Amino acid sequence: MKFCVECGGFLSQKVIDYSQTNFGISLCIPHQQWTEYLETITTPETLRLYWALRTRNVPAQIEKFDGFKHIDIAIPEVKINIEVDGMHHNNNPKQALSDLKRTYHSFLKGYFTLRIPNSLIYNDDVLNETADYIVYILNESKNKIYDSRKR
């Protein structure tokens, strides 16, 4: 890929080689720096899923603040939030209840929340299948939004 996954800017072979080696994807220098910053505020699993979606041209936003909380990955165009959850989201009742409240808050704003367990992120094949299914969901959501606007 000769273009930055994030902004679509043209990349030299030297930049591609460095980016692929250090980030696993093609990024321009400003987005390499941005990614290094993101690594300090989000989980590696969230970043891996985000990049898997961006390489599929999903207009995702990472760590989006919705006025109440930060969303791991948001796709405002189709009103879908994605939360990438570690084991503590299932094993800790306080965390699970907090997650439910967060989901409710998003629901009140018309957003659907997908909860993706970390176990779907670790293996590249499973990550790719997960990202593909999320794209299917997004496409169905776009179709439903388009159909509801036609009525």
N, C-alpha and C. Protein backbone atom coordinates (compact mmCIF):
# COMPACT_ATOMS: atom_id res chain seq x y z
N MET A 1 0.86 -1.18 0.00
CA MET A 1 0.00 0.00 0.00
C MET A 1 0.90 1.24 0.00
N LYS A 2 0.72 2.10 -0.94
CA LYS A 2 1.57 3.29 -1.09
C LYS A 2 0.96 4.52 -0.42
N PHE A 3 -0.11 4.33 0.29
CA PHE A 3 -0.81 5.46 0.90
C PHE A 3 -1.01 5.22 2.39
N CYS A 4 -1.07 6.31 3.14
CA CYS A 4 -1.32 6.25 4.58
C CYS A 4 -2.74 5.72 4.81
N VAL A 5 -2.85 4.72 5.66
CA VAL A 5 -4.16 4.14 5.99
C VAL A 5 -5.07 5.18 6.63
N GLU A 6 -4.51 6.11 7.35
CA GLU A 6 -5.32 7.08 8.10
C GLU A 6 -5.75 8.26 7.24
N CYS A 7 -4.83 8.85 6.48
CA CYS A 7 -5.17 10.09 5.75
C CYS A 7 -5.16 9.94 4.23
N GLY A 8 -4.64 8.82 3.74
CA GLY A 8 -4.60 8.62 2.30
C GLY A 8 -3.44 9.30 1.59
N GLY A 9 -2.54 9.92 2.36
CA GLY A 9 -1.39 10.60 1.77
C GLY A 9 -0.39 9.62 1.17
N PHE A 10 0.26 10.05 0.09
CA PHE A 10 1.25 9.22 -0.59
C PHE A 10 2.47 9.02 0.31
N LEU A 11 3.04 7.81 0.28
CA LEU A 11 4.19 7.48 1.11
C LEU A 11 5.37 7.02 0.26
N SER A 12 6.56 7.44 0.66
CA SER A 12 7.77 6.93 0.02
C SER A 12 8.02 5.51 0.50
N GLN A 13 8.82 4.77 -0.23
CA GLN A 13 9.13 3.39 0.15
C GLN A 13 9.82 3.34 1.51
N LYS A 14 10.67 4.32 1.79
CA LYS A 14 11.37 4.37 3.07
C LYS A 14 10.37 4.51 4.23
N VAL A 15 9.39 5.37 4.06
CA VAL A 15 8.38 5.57 5.10
C VAL A 15 7.51 4.33 5.24
N ILE A 16 7.15 3.71 4.12
CA ILE A 16 6.36 2.48 4.16
C ILE A 16 7.13 1.40 4.92
N ASP A 17 8.39 1.22 4.58
CA ASP A 17 9.19 0.18 5.24
C ASP A 17 9.27 0.40 6.74
N TYR A 18 9.54 1.63 7.15
CA TYR A 18 9.63 1.94 8.58
C TYR A 18 8.29 1.70 9.26
N SER A 19 7.23 2.19 8.65
CA SER A 19 5.90 2.08 9.24
C SER A 19 5.46 0.62 9.35
N GLN A 20 5.68 -0.15 8.30
CA GLN A 20 5.30 -1.57 8.33
C GLN A 20 6.07 -2.32 9.42
N THR A 21 7.35 -2.00 9.55
CA THR A 21 8.19 -2.66 10.55
C THR A 21 7.76 -2.30 11.97
N ASN A 22 7.44 -1.03 12.19
CA ASN A 22 7.17 -0.55 13.55
C ASN A 22 5.71 -0.53 13.94
N PHE A 23 4.81 -0.45 12.96
CA PHE A 23 3.38 -0.35 13.28
C PHE A 23 2.53 -1.44 12.63
N GLY A 24 3.11 -2.13 11.64
CA GLY A 24 2.38 -3.20 10.97
C GLY A 24 1.42 -2.72 9.90
N ILE A 25 1.39 -1.42 9.64
CA ILE A 25 0.53 -0.83 8.62
C ILE A 25 1.26 0.35 7.99
N SER A 26 0.73 0.84 6.90
CA SER A 26 1.34 1.98 6.22
C SER A 26 0.79 3.29 6.77
N LEU A 27 1.68 4.09 7.38
CA LEU A 27 1.29 5.37 7.96
C LEU A 27 2.29 6.44 7.58
N CYS A 28 1.80 7.65 7.33
CA CYS A 28 2.69 8.79 7.12
C CYS A 28 3.37 9.13 8.45
N ILE A 29 4.39 9.97 8.38
CA ILE A 29 5.14 10.30 9.61
C ILE A 29 4.25 10.96 10.67
N PRO A 30 3.39 11.95 10.31
CA PRO A 30 2.53 12.51 11.36
C PRO A 30 1.61 11.46 12.00
N HIS A 31 1.12 10.50 11.22
CA HIS A 31 0.23 9.49 11.80
C HIS A 31 1.02 8.41 12.55
N GLN A 32 2.29 8.25 12.23
CA GLN A 32 3.14 7.38 13.07
C GLN A 32 3.27 8.02 14.45
N GLN A 33 3.50 9.33 14.48
CA GLN A 33 3.62 10.04 15.75
C GLN A 33 2.30 10.01 16.51
N TRP A 34 1.20 10.19 15.80
CA TRP A 34 -0.14 10.13 16.39
C TRP A 34 -0.39 8.75 17.01
N THR A 35 0.03 7.70 16.29
CA THR A 35 -0.14 6.34 16.79
C THR A 35 0.68 6.11 18.05
N GLU A 36 1.88 6.66 18.09
CA GLU A 36 2.69 6.55 19.31
C GLU A 36 1.98 7.21 20.49
N TYR A 37 1.31 8.34 20.24
CA TYR A 37 0.53 8.98 21.29
C TYR A 37 -0.66 8.09 21.68
N LEU A 38 -1.37 7.55 20.70
CA LEU A 38 -2.52 6.69 20.99
C LEU A 38 -2.14 5.51 21.86
N GLU A 39 -0.93 5.00 21.65
CA GLU A 39 -0.47 3.86 22.45
C GLU A 39 -0.40 4.20 23.94
N THR A 40 -0.37 5.48 24.28
CA THR A 40 -0.32 5.88 25.69
C THR A 40 -1.72 6.04 26.29
N ILE A 41 -2.76 6.10 25.45
CA ILE A 41 -4.11 6.36 25.98
C ILE A 41 -5.13 5.27 25.69
N THR A 42 -4.76 4.26 24.90
CA THR A 42 -5.70 3.19 24.60
C THR A 42 -4.98 1.86 24.65
N THR A 43 -5.72 0.78 24.53
CA THR A 43 -5.11 -0.54 24.63
C THR A 43 -4.57 -1.00 23.28
N PRO A 44 -3.59 -1.90 23.31
CA PRO A 44 -3.09 -2.45 22.05
C PRO A 44 -4.18 -3.16 21.25
N GLU A 45 -5.12 -3.79 21.96
CA GLU A 45 -6.21 -4.50 21.28
C GLU A 45 -7.13 -3.52 20.54
N THR A 46 -7.42 -2.39 21.18
CA THR A 46 -8.24 -1.38 20.53
C THR A 46 -7.54 -0.86 19.28
N LEU A 47 -6.25 -0.59 19.39
CA LEU A 47 -5.49 -0.11 18.23
C LEU A 47 -5.48 -1.14 17.11
N ARG A 48 -5.28 -2.40 17.43
CA ARG A 48 -5.25 -3.44 16.38
C ARG A 48 -6.58 -3.50 15.66
N LEU A 49 -7.70 -3.45 16.40
CA LEU A 49 -9.00 -3.50 15.75
C LEU A 49 -9.24 -2.22 14.94
N TYR A 50 -8.87 -1.09 15.50
CA TYR A 50 -9.02 0.18 14.78
C TYR A 50 -8.31 0.13 13.43
N TRP A 51 -7.03 -0.32 13.44
CA TRP A 51 -6.29 -0.37 12.17
C TRP A 51 -6.87 -1.40 11.22
N ALA A 52 -7.38 -2.51 11.74
CA ALA A 52 -8.02 -3.50 10.88
C ALA A 52 -9.25 -2.90 10.20
N LEU A 53 -9.98 -2.07 10.93
CA LEU A 53 -11.15 -1.41 10.34
C LEU A 53 -10.74 -0.33 9.35
N ARG A 54 -9.73 0.47 9.70
CA ARG A 54 -9.28 1.54 8.80
C ARG A 54 -8.75 0.97 7.48
N THR A 55 -8.06 -0.19 7.54
CA THR A 55 -7.57 -0.79 6.30
C THR A 55 -8.72 -1.30 5.43
N ARG A 56 -9.91 -1.40 6.01
CA ARG A 56 -11.12 -1.76 5.27
C ARG A 56 -11.94 -0.52 4.92
N ASN A 57 -11.31 0.63 5.05
CA ASN A 57 -11.93 1.93 4.71
C ASN A 57 -13.13 2.29 5.58
N VAL A 58 -13.16 1.78 6.80
CA VAL A 58 -14.23 2.15 7.74
C VAL A 58 -13.89 3.53 8.31
N PRO A 59 -14.83 4.46 8.28
CA PRO A 59 -14.58 5.82 8.80
C PRO A 59 -14.63 5.86 10.33
N ALA A 60 -13.79 5.05 10.94
CA ALA A 60 -13.78 4.92 12.40
C ALA A 60 -13.03 6.06 13.05
N GLN A 61 -13.42 6.35 14.28
CA GLN A 61 -12.73 7.34 15.12
C GLN A 61 -12.35 6.63 16.42
N ILE A 62 -11.12 6.84 16.85
CA ILE A 62 -10.64 6.15 18.04
C ILE A 62 -10.67 7.10 19.24
N GLU A 63 -11.05 6.55 20.40
CA GLU A 63 -11.12 7.31 21.65
C GLU A 63 -11.95 8.58 21.49
N LYS A 64 -13.13 8.43 20.90
CA LYS A 64 -14.03 9.56 20.67
C LYS A 64 -14.81 9.87 21.95
N PHE A 65 -14.79 11.13 22.36
CA PHE A 65 -15.55 11.55 23.54
C PHE A 65 -16.96 11.91 23.10
N ASP A 66 -17.96 11.33 23.76
CA ASP A 66 -19.35 11.57 23.37
C ASP A 66 -20.08 12.52 24.33
N GLY A 67 -19.33 13.20 25.20
CA GLY A 67 -19.93 14.10 26.17
C GLY A 67 -20.13 13.44 27.52
N PHE A 68 -20.06 12.12 27.55
CA PHE A 68 -20.24 11.37 28.79
C PHE A 68 -19.01 10.49 29.08
N LYS A 69 -18.47 9.91 28.01
CA LYS A 69 -17.38 8.96 28.15
C LYS A 69 -16.59 8.89 26.84
N HIS A 70 -15.41 8.27 26.91
CA HIS A 70 -14.64 8.01 25.70
C HIS A 70 -15.06 6.64 25.15
N ILE A 71 -15.31 6.61 23.85
CA ILE A 71 -15.66 5.39 23.15
C ILE A 71 -14.38 4.82 22.56
N ASP A 72 -14.13 3.54 22.71
CA ASP A 72 -12.92 2.95 22.14
C ASP A 72 -12.84 3.24 20.64
N ILE A 73 -13.88 2.83 19.91
CA ILE A 73 -13.96 3.09 18.47
C ILE A 73 -15.39 3.49 18.16
N ALA A 74 -15.55 4.62 17.50
CA ALA A 74 -16.87 5.10 17.14
C ALA A 74 -16.98 5.21 15.62
N ILE A 75 -18.16 4.89 15.12
CA ILE A 75 -18.46 5.10 13.71
C ILE A 75 -19.76 5.92 13.67
N PRO A 76 -19.63 7.25 13.83
CA PRO A 76 -20.80 8.11 13.94
C PRO A 76 -21.72 8.06 12.72
N GLU A 77 -21.17 7.83 11.56
CA GLU A 77 -21.95 7.79 10.32
C GLU A 77 -23.12 6.81 10.41
N VAL A 78 -22.91 5.70 11.13
CA VAL A 78 -23.97 4.69 11.28
C VAL A 78 -24.39 4.50 12.73
N LYS A 79 -23.93 5.41 13.59
CA LYS A 79 -24.30 5.39 15.01
C LYS A 79 -23.98 4.07 15.69
N ILE A 80 -22.74 3.63 15.49
CA ILE A 80 -22.27 2.42 16.14
C ILE A 80 -21.01 2.74 16.94
N ASN A 81 -21.01 2.29 18.18
CA ASN A 81 -19.83 2.37 19.05
C ASN A 81 -19.28 0.96 19.23
N ILE A 82 -17.98 0.87 19.30
CA ILE A 82 -17.33 -0.42 19.55
C ILE A 82 -16.49 -0.27 20.80
N GLU A 83 -16.74 -1.15 21.75
CA GLU A 83 -15.95 -1.21 22.98
C GLU A 83 -15.17 -2.52 22.96
N VAL A 84 -13.87 -2.43 23.15
CA VAL A 84 -13.00 -3.60 23.16
C VAL A 84 -12.74 -3.95 24.62
N ASP A 85 -13.19 -5.11 25.03
CA ASP A 85 -13.22 -5.47 26.44
C ASP A 85 -12.24 -6.57 26.82
N GLY A 86 -11.47 -6.30 27.88
CA GLY A 86 -10.61 -7.31 28.48
C GLY A 86 -11.42 -8.20 29.41
N MET A 87 -10.77 -9.19 29.99
CA MET A 87 -11.45 -10.16 30.86
C MET A 87 -12.13 -9.50 32.06
N HIS A 88 -11.56 -8.40 32.56
CA HIS A 88 -12.12 -7.77 33.76
C HIS A 88 -13.53 -7.23 33.50
N HIS A 89 -13.91 -7.05 32.25
CA HIS A 89 -15.26 -6.60 31.94
C HIS A 89 -16.29 -7.69 32.23
N ASN A 90 -15.84 -8.94 32.21
CA ASN A 90 -16.74 -10.06 32.51
C ASN A 90 -16.62 -10.53 33.95
N ASN A 91 -15.46 -10.38 34.53
CA ASN A 91 -15.21 -10.95 35.86
C ASN A 91 -15.50 -10.00 37.01
N ASN A 92 -15.64 -8.72 36.74
CA ASN A 92 -15.84 -7.73 37.79
C ASN A 92 -17.26 -7.17 37.67
N PRO A 93 -18.14 -7.48 38.63
CA PRO A 93 -19.53 -7.01 38.55
C PRO A 93 -19.64 -5.48 38.46
N LYS A 94 -18.79 -4.75 39.16
CA LYS A 94 -18.85 -3.28 39.09
C LYS A 94 -18.52 -2.80 37.69
N GLN A 95 -17.51 -3.41 37.07
CA GLN A 95 -17.14 -3.04 35.71
C GLN A 95 -18.26 -3.39 34.73
N ALA A 96 -18.85 -4.57 34.90
CA ALA A 96 -19.94 -5.00 34.01
C ALA A 96 -21.14 -4.06 34.12
N LEU A 97 -21.46 -3.63 35.34
CA LEU A 97 -22.57 -2.70 35.52
C LEU A 97 -22.23 -1.33 34.92
N SER A 98 -21.01 -0.89 35.10
CA SER A 98 -20.56 0.37 34.49
C SER A 98 -20.68 0.29 32.97
N ASP A 99 -20.30 -0.85 32.40
CA ASP A 99 -20.42 -1.04 30.95
C ASP A 99 -21.87 -0.97 30.50
N LEU A 100 -22.75 -1.58 31.28
CA LEU A 100 -24.17 -1.54 30.94
C LEU A 100 -24.70 -0.11 30.97
N LYS A 101 -24.29 0.66 31.95
CA LYS A 101 -24.71 2.06 32.04
C LYS A 101 -24.18 2.86 30.85
N ARG A 102 -22.94 2.60 30.46
CA ARG A 102 -22.35 3.28 29.30
C ARG A 102 -23.12 2.93 28.02
N THR A 103 -23.47 1.66 27.90
CA THR A 103 -24.25 1.21 26.74
C THR A 103 -25.61 1.90 26.72
N TYR A 104 -26.23 2.02 27.88
CA TYR A 104 -27.53 2.69 27.98
C TYR A 104 -27.42 4.16 27.56
N HIS A 105 -26.37 4.84 28.04
CA HIS A 105 -26.17 6.24 27.68
C HIS A 105 -26.04 6.39 26.17
N SER A 106 -25.29 5.51 25.54
CA SER A 106 -25.14 5.55 24.08
C SER A 106 -26.47 5.26 23.40
N PHE A 107 -27.21 4.31 23.92
CA PHE A 107 -28.51 3.94 23.36
C PHE A 107 -29.47 5.13 23.36
N LEU A 108 -29.44 5.89 24.45
CA LEU A 108 -30.30 7.07 24.53
C LEU A 108 -29.98 8.09 23.44
N LYS A 109 -28.74 8.09 22.98
CA LYS A 109 -28.33 9.00 21.90
C LYS A 109 -28.51 8.37 20.53
N GLY A 110 -29.10 7.16 20.50
CA GLY A 110 -29.36 6.50 19.23
C GLY A 110 -28.23 5.63 18.71
N TYR A 111 -27.25 5.34 19.57
CA TYR A 111 -26.10 4.52 19.16
C TYR A 111 -26.25 3.09 19.63
N PHE A 112 -25.83 2.17 18.78
CA PHE A 112 -25.75 0.75 19.12
C PHE A 112 -24.31 0.46 19.52
N THR A 113 -24.11 -0.31 20.59
CA THR A 113 -22.77 -0.62 21.07
C THR A 113 -22.44 -2.09 20.80
N LEU A 114 -21.34 -2.30 20.09
CA LEU A 114 -20.79 -3.65 19.91
C LEU A 114 -19.70 -3.84 20.95
N ARG A 115 -19.79 -4.92 21.70
CA ARG A 115 -18.77 -5.23 22.68
C ARG A 115 -17.92 -6.37 22.12
N ILE A 116 -16.65 -6.09 21.89
CA ILE A 116 -15.74 -7.06 21.29
C ILE A 116 -14.73 -7.52 22.34
N PRO A 117 -14.73 -8.81 22.68
CA PRO A 117 -13.76 -9.28 23.67
C PRO A 117 -12.35 -9.31 23.08
N ASN A 118 -11.37 -9.04 23.94
CA ASN A 118 -9.97 -9.07 23.51
C ASN A 118 -9.59 -10.38 22.82
N SER A 119 -10.23 -11.47 23.19
CA SER A 119 -9.88 -12.77 22.61
C SER A 119 -10.08 -12.81 21.10
N LEU A 120 -10.89 -11.90 20.55
CA LEU A 120 -11.08 -11.83 19.11
C LEU A 120 -10.01 -10.99 18.41
N ILE A 121 -9.09 -10.43 19.17
CA ILE A 121 -8.11 -9.51 18.61
C ILE A 121 -6.72 -10.14 18.50
N TYR A 122 -6.38 -11.07 19.36
CA TYR A 122 -5.02 -11.57 19.46
C TYR A 122 -4.50 -12.28 18.21
N ASN A 123 -5.30 -13.14 17.63
CA ASN A 123 -4.90 -13.93 16.48
C ASN A 123 -5.26 -13.18 15.20
N ASP A 124 -4.31 -13.05 14.27
CA ASP A 124 -4.54 -12.27 13.05
C ASP A 124 -5.73 -12.78 12.24
N ASP A 125 -5.87 -14.10 12.10
CA ASP A 125 -6.98 -14.65 11.32
C ASP A 125 -8.32 -14.31 11.96
N VAL A 126 -8.39 -14.46 13.28
CA VAL A 126 -9.63 -14.16 14.00
C VAL A 126 -9.90 -12.65 13.97
N LEU A 127 -8.86 -11.85 14.12
CA LEU A 127 -9.00 -10.39 14.03
C LEU A 127 -9.57 -9.99 12.66
N ASN A 128 -9.04 -10.57 11.60
CA ASN A 128 -9.53 -10.24 10.26
C ASN A 128 -10.98 -10.67 10.08
N GLU A 129 -11.33 -11.83 10.57
CA GLU A 129 -12.73 -12.27 10.47
C GLU A 129 -13.64 -11.37 11.30
N THR A 130 -13.18 -10.97 12.48
CA THR A 130 -13.94 -10.04 13.32
C THR A 130 -14.16 -8.72 12.60
N ALA A 131 -13.09 -8.16 12.03
CA ALA A 131 -13.20 -6.89 11.30
C ALA A 131 -14.14 -7.03 10.11
N ASP A 132 -14.07 -8.17 9.42
CA ASP A 132 -14.98 -8.39 8.29
C ASP A 132 -16.44 -8.41 8.75
N TYR A 133 -16.71 -9.07 9.87
CA TYR A 133 -18.09 -9.11 10.38
C TYR A 133 -18.57 -7.73 10.82
N ILE A 134 -17.67 -6.96 11.40
CA ILE A 134 -18.05 -5.60 11.77
C ILE A 134 -18.41 -4.80 10.51
N VAL A 135 -17.65 -4.99 9.44
CA VAL A 135 -17.96 -4.31 8.18
C VAL A 135 -19.34 -4.76 7.67
N TYR A 136 -19.66 -6.05 7.78
CA TYR A 136 -21.00 -6.52 7.39
C TYR A 136 -22.08 -5.80 8.19
N ILE A 137 -21.86 -5.69 9.49
CA ILE A 137 -22.82 -5.00 10.36
C ILE A 137 -22.96 -3.54 9.95
N LEU A 138 -21.83 -2.88 9.67
CA LEU A 138 -21.87 -1.48 9.26
C LEU A 138 -22.62 -1.31 7.95
N ASN A 139 -22.38 -2.21 7.01
CA ASN A 139 -23.08 -2.12 5.72
C ASN A 139 -24.58 -2.31 5.89
N GLU A 140 -24.98 -3.26 6.72
CA GLU A 140 -26.41 -3.46 6.99
C GLU A 140 -27.01 -2.22 7.67
N SER A 141 -26.25 -1.63 8.57
CA SER A 141 -26.72 -0.42 9.26
C SER A 141 -26.90 0.72 8.26
N LYS A 142 -25.94 0.88 7.35
CA LYS A 142 -26.06 1.92 6.32
C LYS A 142 -27.29 1.69 5.47
N ASN A 143 -27.53 0.42 5.09
CA ASN A 143 -28.71 0.10 4.28
C ASN A 143 -30.00 0.44 5.02
N LYS A 144 -30.06 0.13 6.31
CA LYS A 144 -31.26 0.42 7.08
C LYS A 144 -31.47 1.92 7.24
N ILE A 145 -30.39 2.65 7.44
CA ILE A 145 -30.50 4.11 7.55
C ILE A 145 -30.98 4.68 6.22
N TYR A 146 -30.41 4.19 5.11
CA TYR A 146 -30.80 4.68 3.79
C TYR A 146 -32.27 4.35 3.52
N ASP A 147 -32.68 3.11 3.83
CA ASP A 147 -34.07 2.71 3.61
C ASP A 147 -35.03 3.54 4.45
N SER A 148 -34.68 3.85 5.70
CA SER A 148 -35.59 4.61 6.56
C SER A 148 -35.71 6.05 6.06
N ARG A 149 -34.68 6.58 5.42
CA ARG A 149 -34.73 7.94 4.90
C ARG A 149 -35.56 8.02 3.62
N LYS A 150 -35.65 6.90 2.89
CA LYS A 150 -36.42 6.88 1.65
C LYS A 150 -37.93 6.90 1.92
N ARG A 151 -38.33 6.48 3.09
CA ARG A 151 -39.78 6.39 3.39
C ARG A 151 -40.38 7.72 3.67
